[in-house]
Amino acid sequence: MKAQAVRTGHRMQPMADQAKVVAAQRIEDARYWAAPRLESAAHGFEDQVAPRVSEMLTTAARKIDPTPSRSRRWPMLVLLTGLAVGAIGYTFYRRNAQQWTEHMKDSASDASRWVNEKAEQTSESTDRMATDVSNKADETSRKMS
């Protein structure tokens, strides 16, 4: 009986190896799918948000330029306003970056979970097939005895 189980195990080894290779390919496919999307999102942020922040800071710099003015309070007010706007912009930037990062983690987690489920399904299917083959081999062995 043990010898039959060992033989069946040896016969099932190629299927298990193939399941392992397929799972590895699926993981690699998921990585190929995710990488360009991450890069695209980074370029989109760089092209859309960064110029707006730069424009706001340039405008603030022009307003606080040390040209002769009638009042000394206005430059200080503009400077403080510029600092406040910059702080708010930085806060929005950090929040959006964090949300984007969490979203990407969730996407990667979903892809990883999907691959793991497929690998488990493949493993279960392989186990069922091995059990069926073992049962058939046992039946054949009983018939021949």
C-alpha atoms as a PDB file:
ATOM      1  CA  MET A   1       0.000   0.000   0.000  1.00  0.00           C
ATOM      2  CA  LYS A   2       2.783   2.388   0.920  1.00  0.00           C
ATOM      3  CA  ALA A   3       4.635   1.575  -2.271  1.00  0.00           C
ATOM      4  CA  GLN A   4       1.544   2.385  -4.292  1.00  0.00           C
ATOM      5  CA  ALA A   5       1.244   5.732  -2.524  1.00  0.00           C
ATOM      6  CA  VAL A   6       4.882   6.479  -3.261  1.00  0.00           C
ATOM      7  CA  ARG A   7       4.452   5.551  -6.940  1.00  0.00           C
ATOM      8  CA  THR A   8       1.335   7.687  -7.152  1.00  0.00           C
ATOM      9  CA  GLY A   9       3.229  10.545  -5.539  1.00  0.00           C
ATOM     10  CA  HIS A  10       5.998  10.210  -8.101  1.00  0.00           C
ATOM     11  CA  ARG A  11       3.460  10.248 -10.922  1.00  0.00           C
ATOM     12  CA  MET A  12       1.763  13.347  -9.518  1.00  0.00           C
ATOM     13  CA  GLN A  13       5.057  15.251  -9.090  1.00  0.00           C
ATOM     14  CA  PRO A  14       5.082  16.691 -12.656  1.00  0.00           C
ATOM     15  CA  MET A  15       1.557  18.073 -12.201  1.00  0.00           C
ATOM     16  CA  ALA A  16       2.513  19.697  -8.917  1.00  0.00           C
ATOM     17  CA  ASP A  17       5.607  21.201 -10.540  1.00  0.00           C
ATOM     18  CA  GLN A  18       3.511  22.518 -13.397  1.00  0.00           C
ATOM     19  CA  ALA A  19       1.048  24.097 -10.928  1.00  0.00           C
ATOM     20  CA  LYS A  20       3.983  25.808  -9.209  1.00  0.00           C
ATOM     21  CA  VAL A  21       5.286  27.187 -12.520  1.00  0.00           C
ATOM     22  CA  VAL A  22       1.815  28.441 -13.506  1.00  0.00           C
ATOM     23  CA  ALA A  23       1.390  30.211 -10.158  1.00  0.00           C
ATOM     24  CA  ALA A  24       4.796  31.892 -10.541  1.00  0.00           C
ATOM     25  CA  GLN A  25       3.880  33.033 -14.055  1.00  0.00           C
ATOM     26  CA  ARG A  26       0.614  34.506 -12.796  1.00  0.00           C
ATOM     27  CA  ILE A  27       2.440  36.487 -10.116  1.00  0.00           C
ATOM     28  CA  GLU A  28       4.902  37.795 -12.689  1.00  0.00           C
ATOM     29  CA  ASP A  29       2.014  38.750 -15.003  1.00  0.00           C
ATOM     30  CA  ALA A  30       0.417  40.699 -12.157  1.00  0.00           C
ATOM     31  CA  ARG A  31       3.675  42.578 -11.593  1.00  0.00           C
ATOM     32  CA  TYR A  32       3.975  43.389 -15.305  1.00  0.00           C
ATOM     33  CA  TRP A  33       0.398  44.678 -15.208  1.00  0.00           C
ATOM     34  CA  ALA A  34       0.874  46.875 -12.114  1.00  0.00           C
ATOM     35  CA  ALA A  35       4.277  48.474 -12.871  1.00  0.00           C
ATOM     36  CA  PRO A  36       3.225  50.692 -15.819  1.00  0.00           C
ATOM     37  CA  ARG A  37       0.129  51.830 -13.961  1.00  0.00           C
ATOM     38  CA  LEU A  38       2.188  52.942 -10.972  1.00  0.00           C
ATOM     39  CA  GLU A  39       4.588  54.813 -13.226  1.00  0.00           C
ATOM     40  CA  SER A  40       1.722  56.458 -15.112  1.00  0.00           C
ATOM     41  CA  ALA A  41       0.146  57.626 -11.868  1.00  0.00           C
ATOM     42  CA  ALA A  42       3.470  59.116 -10.731  1.00  0.00           C
ATOM     43  CA  HIS A  43       3.874  61.025 -14.006  1.00  0.00           C
ATOM     44  CA  GLY A  44       0.285  62.238 -13.817  1.00  0.00           C
ATOM     45  CA  PHE A  45       0.906  63.645 -10.348  1.00  0.00           C
ATOM     46  CA  GLU A  46       4.125  65.255 -11.512  1.00  0.00           C
ATOM     47  CA  ASP A  47       2.464  66.817 -14.561  1.00  0.00           C
ATOM     48  CA  GLN A  48      -0.746  68.029 -12.916  1.00  0.00           C
ATOM     49  CA  VAL A  49      -0.256  68.872  -9.243  1.00  0.00           C
ATOM     50  CA  ALA A  50       3.370  70.006  -9.117  1.00  0.00           C
ATOM     51  CA  PRO A  51       2.945  72.844 -11.672  1.00  0.00           C
ATOM     52  CA  ARG A  52      -0.010  74.252  -9.726  1.00  0.00           C
ATOM     53  CA  VAL A  53       1.925  74.322  -6.475  1.00  0.00           C
ATOM     54  CA  SER A  54       4.877  75.902  -8.260  1.00  0.00           C
ATOM     55  CA  GLU A  55       2.627  78.595  -9.757  1.00  0.00           C
ATOM     56  CA  MET A  56       1.150  79.390  -6.340  1.00  0.00           C
ATOM     57  CA  LEU A  57       4.603  79.730  -4.816  1.00  0.00           C
ATOM     58  CA  THR A  58       5.803  81.922  -7.715  1.00  0.00           C
ATOM     59  CA  THR A  59       2.791  84.186  -7.304  1.00  0.00           C
ATOM     60  CA  ALA A  60       3.442  84.428  -3.570  1.00  0.00           C
ATOM     61  CA  ALA A  61       7.111  85.229  -4.228  1.00  0.00           C
ATOM     62  CA  ARG A  62       6.141  88.065  -6.592  1.00  0.00           C
ATOM     63  CA  LYS A  63       3.772  89.469  -4.003  1.00  0.00           C
ATOM     64  CA  ILE A  64       6.403  89.514  -1.288  1.00  0.00           C
ATOM     65  CA  ASP A  65       9.132  90.887  -3.551  1.00  0.00           C
ATOM     66  CA  PRO A  66      11.023  93.604  -1.610  1.00  0.00           C
ATOM     67  CA  THR A  67      10.018  96.497  -3.851  1.00  0.00           C
ATOM     68  CA  PRO A  68       9.362  99.825  -2.150  1.00  0.00           C
ATOM     69  CA  SER A  69       5.886  99.837  -0.694  1.00  0.00           C
ATOM     70  CA  ARG A  70       3.843 102.286   1.289  1.00  0.00           C
ATOM     71  CA  SER A  71       3.029  99.946   4.110  1.00  0.00           C
ATOM     72  CA  ARG A  72       5.206  97.442   5.901  1.00  0.00           C
ATOM     73  CA  ARG A  73       2.260  95.332   7.006  1.00  0.00           C
ATOM     74  CA  TRP A  74       1.256  94.152   3.511  1.00  0.00           C
ATOM     75  CA  PRO A  75       4.481  92.299   2.651  1.00  0.00           C
ATOM     76  CA  MET A  76       4.363  90.486   5.969  1.00  0.00           C
ATOM     77  CA  LEU A  77       0.695  89.609   5.422  1.00  0.00           C
ATOM     78  CA  VAL A  78       1.453  88.312   1.906  1.00  0.00           C
ATOM     79  CA  LEU A  79       4.389  86.301   3.243  1.00  0.00           C
ATOM     80  CA  LEU A  80       2.278  84.708   5.942  1.00  0.00           C
ATOM     81  CA  THR A  81      -0.510  84.040   3.428  1.00  0.00           C
ATOM     82  CA  GLY A  82       2.006  82.433   1.081  1.00  0.00           C
ATOM     83  CA  LEU A  83       3.341  80.280   3.897  1.00  0.00           C
ATOM     84  CA  ALA A  84      -0.199  79.272   4.865  1.00  0.00           C
ATOM     85  CA  VAL A  85      -1.061  78.406   1.244  1.00  0.00           C
ATOM     86  CA  GLY A  86       2.177  76.461   0.936  1.00  0.00           C
ATOM     87  CA  ALA A  87       1.436  74.561   4.150  1.00  0.00           C
ATOM     88  CA  ILE A  88      -2.081  73.770   2.928  1.00  0.00           C
ATOM     89  CA  GLY A  89      -0.727  72.675  -0.444  1.00  0.00           C
ATOM     90  CA  TYR A  90       1.847  70.472   1.255  1.00  0.00           C
ATOM     91  CA  THR A  91      -0.876  68.961   3.451  1.00  0.00           C
ATOM     92  CA  PHE A  92      -3.031  68.179   0.412  1.00  0.00           C
ATOM     93  CA  TYR A  93      -0.018  66.747  -1.368  1.00  0.00           C
ATOM     94  CA  ARG A  94       0.808  64.430   1.549  1.00  0.00           C
ATOM     95  CA  ARG A  95      -2.807  63.337   1.963  1.00  0.00           C
ATOM     96  CA  ASN A  96      -3.219  62.595  -1.744  1.00  0.00           C
ATOM     97  CA  ALA A  97       0.100  60.785  -1.862  1.00  0.00           C
ATOM     98  CA  GLN A  98      -0.919  58.684   1.140  1.00  0.00           C
ATOM     99  CA  GLN A  99      -4.319  57.882  -0.389  1.00  0.00           C
ATOM    100  CA  TRP A 100      -2.657  56.959  -3.672  1.00  0.00           C
ATOM    101  CA  THR A 101      -0.181  54.724  -1.844  1.00  0.00           C
ATOM    102  CA  GLU A 102      -2.963  52.996   0.086  1.00  0.00           C
ATOM    103  CA  HIS A 103      -4.911  52.497  -3.120  1.00  0.00           C
ATOM    104  CA  MET A 104      -1.897  50.928  -4.801  1.00  0.00           C
ATOM    105  CA  LYS A 105      -1.312  48.701  -1.772  1.00  0.00           C
ATOM    106  CA  ASP A 106      -4.944  47.575  -1.946  1.00  0.00           C
ATOM    107  CA  SER A 107      -4.596  46.878  -5.678  1.00  0.00           C
ATOM    108  CA  ALA A 108      -1.410  44.887  -5.142  1.00  0.00           C
ATOM    109  CA  SER A 109      -3.028  43.079  -2.221  1.00  0.00           C
ATOM    110  CA  ASP A 110      -6.048  42.192  -4.376  1.00  0.00           C
ATOM    111  CA  ALA A 111      -3.797  40.859  -7.136  1.00  0.00           C
ATOM    112  CA  SER A 112      -1.748  38.859  -4.643  1.00  0.00           C
ATOM    113  CA  ARG A 113      -4.905  37.463  -3.026  1.00  0.00           C
ATOM    114  CA  TRP A 114      -6.240  36.476  -6.454  1.00  0.00           C
ATOM    115  CA  VAL A 115      -2.988  34.683  -7.331  1.00  0.00           C
ATOM    116  CA  ASN A 116      -2.982  32.899  -3.965  1.00  0.00           C
ATOM    117  CA  GLU A 117      -6.581  31.769  -4.467  1.00  0.00           C
ATOM    118  CA  LYS A 118      -5.770  30.446  -7.926  1.00  0.00           C
ATOM    119  CA  ALA A 119      -2.715  28.619  -6.567  1.00  0.00           C
ATOM    120  CA  GLU A 120      -4.831  27.077  -3.787  1.00  0.00           C
ATOM    121  CA  GLN A 121      -7.493  26.048  -6.283  1.00  0.00           C
ATOM    122  CA  THR A 122      -4.822  24.460  -8.463  1.00  0.00           C
ATOM    123  CA  SER A 123      -3.345  22.670  -5.452  1.00  0.00           C
ATOM    124  CA  GLU A 124      -6.769  21.376  -4.391  1.00  0.00           C
ATOM    125  CA  SER A 125      -7.506  20.234  -7.922  1.00  0.00           C
ATOM    126  CA  THR A 126      -4.166  18.442  -8.060  1.00  0.00           C
ATOM    127  CA  ASP A 127      -4.849  16.779  -4.705  1.00  0.00           C
ATOM    128  CA  ARG A 128      -8.282  15.602  -5.907  1.00  0.00           C
ATOM    129  CA  MET A 129      -6.790  14.238  -9.104  1.00  0.00           C
ATOM    130  CA  ALA A 130      -4.061  12.444  -7.126  1.00  0.00           C
ATOM    131  CA  THR A 131      -6.681  10.912  -4.840  1.00  0.00           C
ATOM    132  CA  ASP A 132      -8.745   9.770  -7.819  1.00  0.00           C
ATOM    133  CA  VAL A 133      -5.694   8.221  -9.480  1.00  0.00           C
ATOM    134  CA  SER A 134      -4.701   6.526  -6.228  1.00  0.00           C
ATOM    135  CA  ASN A 135      -8.223   5.131  -5.776  1.00  0.00           C
ATOM    136  CA  LYS A 136      -8.279   3.827  -9.341  1.00  0.00           C
ATOM    137  CA  ALA A 137      -4.854   2.275  -8.882  1.00  0.00           C
ATOM    138  CA  ASP A 138      -6.064   0.580  -5.689  1.00  0.00           C
ATOM    139  CA  GLU A 139      -9.166  -0.747  -7.477  1.00  0.00           C
ATOM    140  CA  THR A 140      -7.063  -2.041 -10.347  1.00  0.00           C
ATOM    141  CA  SER A 141      -4.666  -3.649  -7.897  1.00  0.00           C
ATOM    142  CA  ARG A 142      -7.558  -5.347  -6.045  1.00  0.00           C
ATOM    143  CA  LYS A 143      -9.015  -6.614  -9.328  1.00  0.00           C
ATOM    144  CA  MET A 144      -5.673  -8.054 -10.385  1.00  0.00           C
ATOM    145  CA  SER A 145      -5.169  -9.815  -7.028  1.00  0.00           C
END
